[in-house]
Amino acid sequence: MAQRGCACRKAPPAAFRGEGAGGRDQAARQKRGVDFSVRVTFIDSSGVARTIEATAGMSVMEAALAHHIPEVESDCGGSCTCAMCHVIVDEAWFGKFATASKNEASLLSLLEVLKPNSRLSCQLKLSAQMDGLIVHTLDPNAGA
């Protein structure tokens, strides 16, 4: 007599096993809410570059603080009220982010050191499309 296999023991579809071709696998993982890494390079005011891996969905500020990146600070915890997390987004990446909100633009306008590609890192969310992002940090004592 042949045994019947239990449907619950069947192998999951390929998309759920992490198989697939390139971007399709990453897109499938994103749809399922699976974490994936995004590489971010922080270049400090003295030119030292530090590349980290962060989880997509984090803000650039959260990633920097989690990896103890110098020159990125936060007094407000990412609520866009202090401007301590000011960074300069590399020109090649600047247009990939949504434009600054009115609140962020207002805070940026109060800074002494402001560039056209200045942003508050707490407002920059990491996604798969941001893999390889480059941001420049500023000496917190500059302009003091």
Protein backbone atom coordinates (compact mmCIF):
# COMPACT_ATOMS: atom_id res chain seq x y z
CA MET A 1 0.00 0.00 0.00
CA ALA A 2 1.43 3.37 -1.05
CA GLN A 3 1.79 6.03 1.62
CA ARG A 4 0.47 9.47 1.01
CA GLY A 5 2.78 12.36 1.76
CA CYS A 6 1.61 15.06 4.05
CA ALA A 7 1.10 18.38 2.22
CA CYS A 8 2.66 20.24 5.14
CA ARG A 9 5.98 18.47 4.57
CA LYS A 10 6.42 19.55 0.99
CA ALA A 11 9.42 21.71 0.25
CA PRO A 12 8.60 25.42 0.15
CA PRO A 13 8.57 27.20 -3.20
CA ALA A 14 11.95 28.33 -4.53
CA ALA A 15 11.25 31.98 -3.69
CA PHE A 16 10.94 31.06 -0.01
CA ARG A 17 14.13 29.03 -0.02
CA GLY A 18 16.17 32.06 -1.08
CA GLU A 19 16.68 30.71 -4.57
CA GLY A 20 16.21 32.74 -7.66
CA ALA A 21 18.08 34.99 -10.00
CA GLY A 22 19.78 38.12 -8.72
CA GLY A 23 17.38 41.00 -8.22
CA ARG A 24 14.34 38.73 -8.18
CA ASP A 25 15.65 37.05 -5.04
CA GLN A 26 16.26 40.40 -3.36
CA ALA A 27 12.82 41.66 -4.39
CA ALA A 28 11.21 38.46 -3.10
CA ARG A 29 13.05 38.80 0.20
CA GLN A 30 11.94 42.42 0.48
CA LYS A 31 8.28 41.48 -0.16
CA ARG A 32 8.47 38.84 2.55
CA GLY A 33 10.04 41.29 5.00
CA VAL A 34 13.35 39.41 5.16
CA ASP A 35 16.22 41.59 6.32
CA PHE A 36 18.99 42.30 3.87
CA SER A 37 22.19 44.27 4.16
CA VAL A 38 22.98 47.61 2.61
CA ARG A 39 26.57 48.84 2.43
CA VAL A 40 27.13 52.45 3.44
CA THR A 41 30.46 54.27 3.36
CA PHE A 42 30.96 57.18 5.74
CA ILE A 43 33.84 59.53 4.93
CA ASP A 44 34.78 61.70 7.89
CA SER A 45 36.08 65.28 7.87
CA SER A 46 39.69 64.08 7.77
CA GLY A 47 39.05 61.81 4.76
CA VAL A 48 38.92 58.45 6.58
CA ALA A 49 36.39 56.11 4.96
CA ARG A 50 34.48 53.50 6.94
CA THR A 51 32.19 51.03 5.18
CA ILE A 52 29.53 49.30 7.23
CA GLU A 53 26.67 46.90 6.58
CA ALA A 54 23.28 48.02 7.81
CA THR A 55 19.80 46.58 7.62
CA ALA A 56 17.48 48.01 5.00
CA GLY A 57 14.75 50.05 6.66
CA MET A 58 17.12 51.70 9.12
CA SER A 59 17.91 55.37 8.79
CA VAL A 60 21.45 56.39 7.88
CA MET A 61 21.71 57.90 11.39
CA GLU A 62 20.64 54.65 13.08
CA ALA A 63 23.21 52.72 11.04
CA ALA A 64 25.96 55.22 11.91
CA LEU A 65 25.18 55.15 15.63
CA ALA A 66 24.94 51.34 15.68
CA HIS A 67 28.43 51.14 14.15
CA HIS A 68 29.94 53.96 16.26
CA ILE A 69 30.70 56.16 13.25
CA PRO A 70 32.49 59.30 14.43
CA GLU A 71 30.97 62.72 13.71
CA VAL A 72 27.36 61.47 13.60
CA GLU A 73 25.44 62.40 16.72
CA SER A 74 21.81 62.62 17.78
CA ASP A 75 20.26 64.51 20.65
CA CYS A 76 16.68 63.87 19.52
CA GLY A 77 16.92 60.15 18.73
CA GLY A 78 15.95 60.62 15.11
CA SER A 79 12.81 62.73 15.51
CA CYS A 80 14.15 65.50 13.23
CA THR A 81 14.38 68.19 15.91
CA CYS A 82 18.10 68.73 16.55
CA ALA A 83 20.13 68.64 13.27
CA MET A 84 23.04 66.92 15.06
CA CYS A 85 23.02 64.16 12.43
CA HIS A 86 23.80 66.50 9.53
CA VAL A 87 25.68 64.77 6.69
CA ILE A 88 26.63 65.59 3.13
CA VAL A 89 25.24 62.98 0.72
CA ASP A 90 27.65 62.18 -2.09
CA GLU A 91 26.49 63.90 -5.28
CA ALA A 92 26.07 60.57 -7.09
CA TRP A 93 23.52 59.50 -4.46
CA PHE A 94 21.77 62.73 -3.56
CA GLY A 95 18.99 62.47 -6.15
CA LYS A 96 18.07 58.92 -5.08
CA PHE A 97 16.44 60.15 -1.88
CA ALA A 98 13.09 61.91 -1.57
CA THR A 99 13.38 65.67 -1.15
CA ALA A 100 13.72 67.05 2.36
CA SER A 101 10.51 67.74 4.26
CA LYS A 102 9.67 71.31 5.29
CA ASN A 103 10.73 70.49 8.84
CA GLU A 104 14.09 69.07 7.73
CA ALA A 105 14.70 71.99 5.34
CA SER A 106 13.93 74.42 8.16
CA LEU A 107 16.47 72.76 10.46
CA LEU A 108 19.08 72.61 7.71
CA SER A 109 18.67 76.34 7.06
CA LEU A 110 19.86 77.04 10.62
CA LEU A 111 23.22 75.32 10.11
CA GLU A 112 26.41 77.32 9.62
CA VAL A 113 27.93 74.74 7.26
CA LEU A 114 25.36 73.98 4.58
CA LYS A 115 25.86 72.48 1.14
CA PRO A 116 23.32 71.84 -1.63
CA ASN A 117 23.47 68.10 -0.81
CA SER A 118 23.19 68.51 2.98
CA ARG A 119 20.68 66.23 4.70
CA LEU A 120 19.79 65.06 8.17
CA SER A 121 20.79 61.41 8.31
CA CYS A 122 17.80 60.57 10.53
CA GLN A 123 15.55 61.33 7.56
CA LEU A 124 17.39 59.10 5.06
CA LYS A 125 15.97 55.57 4.99
CA LEU A 126 18.12 52.76 3.65
CA SER A 127 16.72 50.43 1.01
CA ALA A 128 18.10 47.88 -1.42
CA GLN A 129 18.53 50.68 -3.96
CA MET A 130 20.89 52.46 -1.53
CA ASP A 131 23.47 49.66 -1.47
CA GLY A 132 26.86 51.36 -1.88
CA LEU A 133 25.68 54.74 -0.54
CA ILE A 134 28.41 57.28 0.29
CA VAL A 135 27.92 60.04 2.84
CA HIS A 136 30.37 62.58 4.23
CA THR A 137 30.32 63.48 7.90
CA LEU A 138 31.28 66.83 9.37
CA ASP A 139 33.42 67.75 12.36
CA PRO A 140 30.86 68.63 15.04
CA ASN A 141 33.21 71.37 16.31
CA ALA A 142 33.51 73.07 12.90
CA GLY A 143 31.85 76.44 12.99
CA ALA A 144 31.78 76.43 16.79
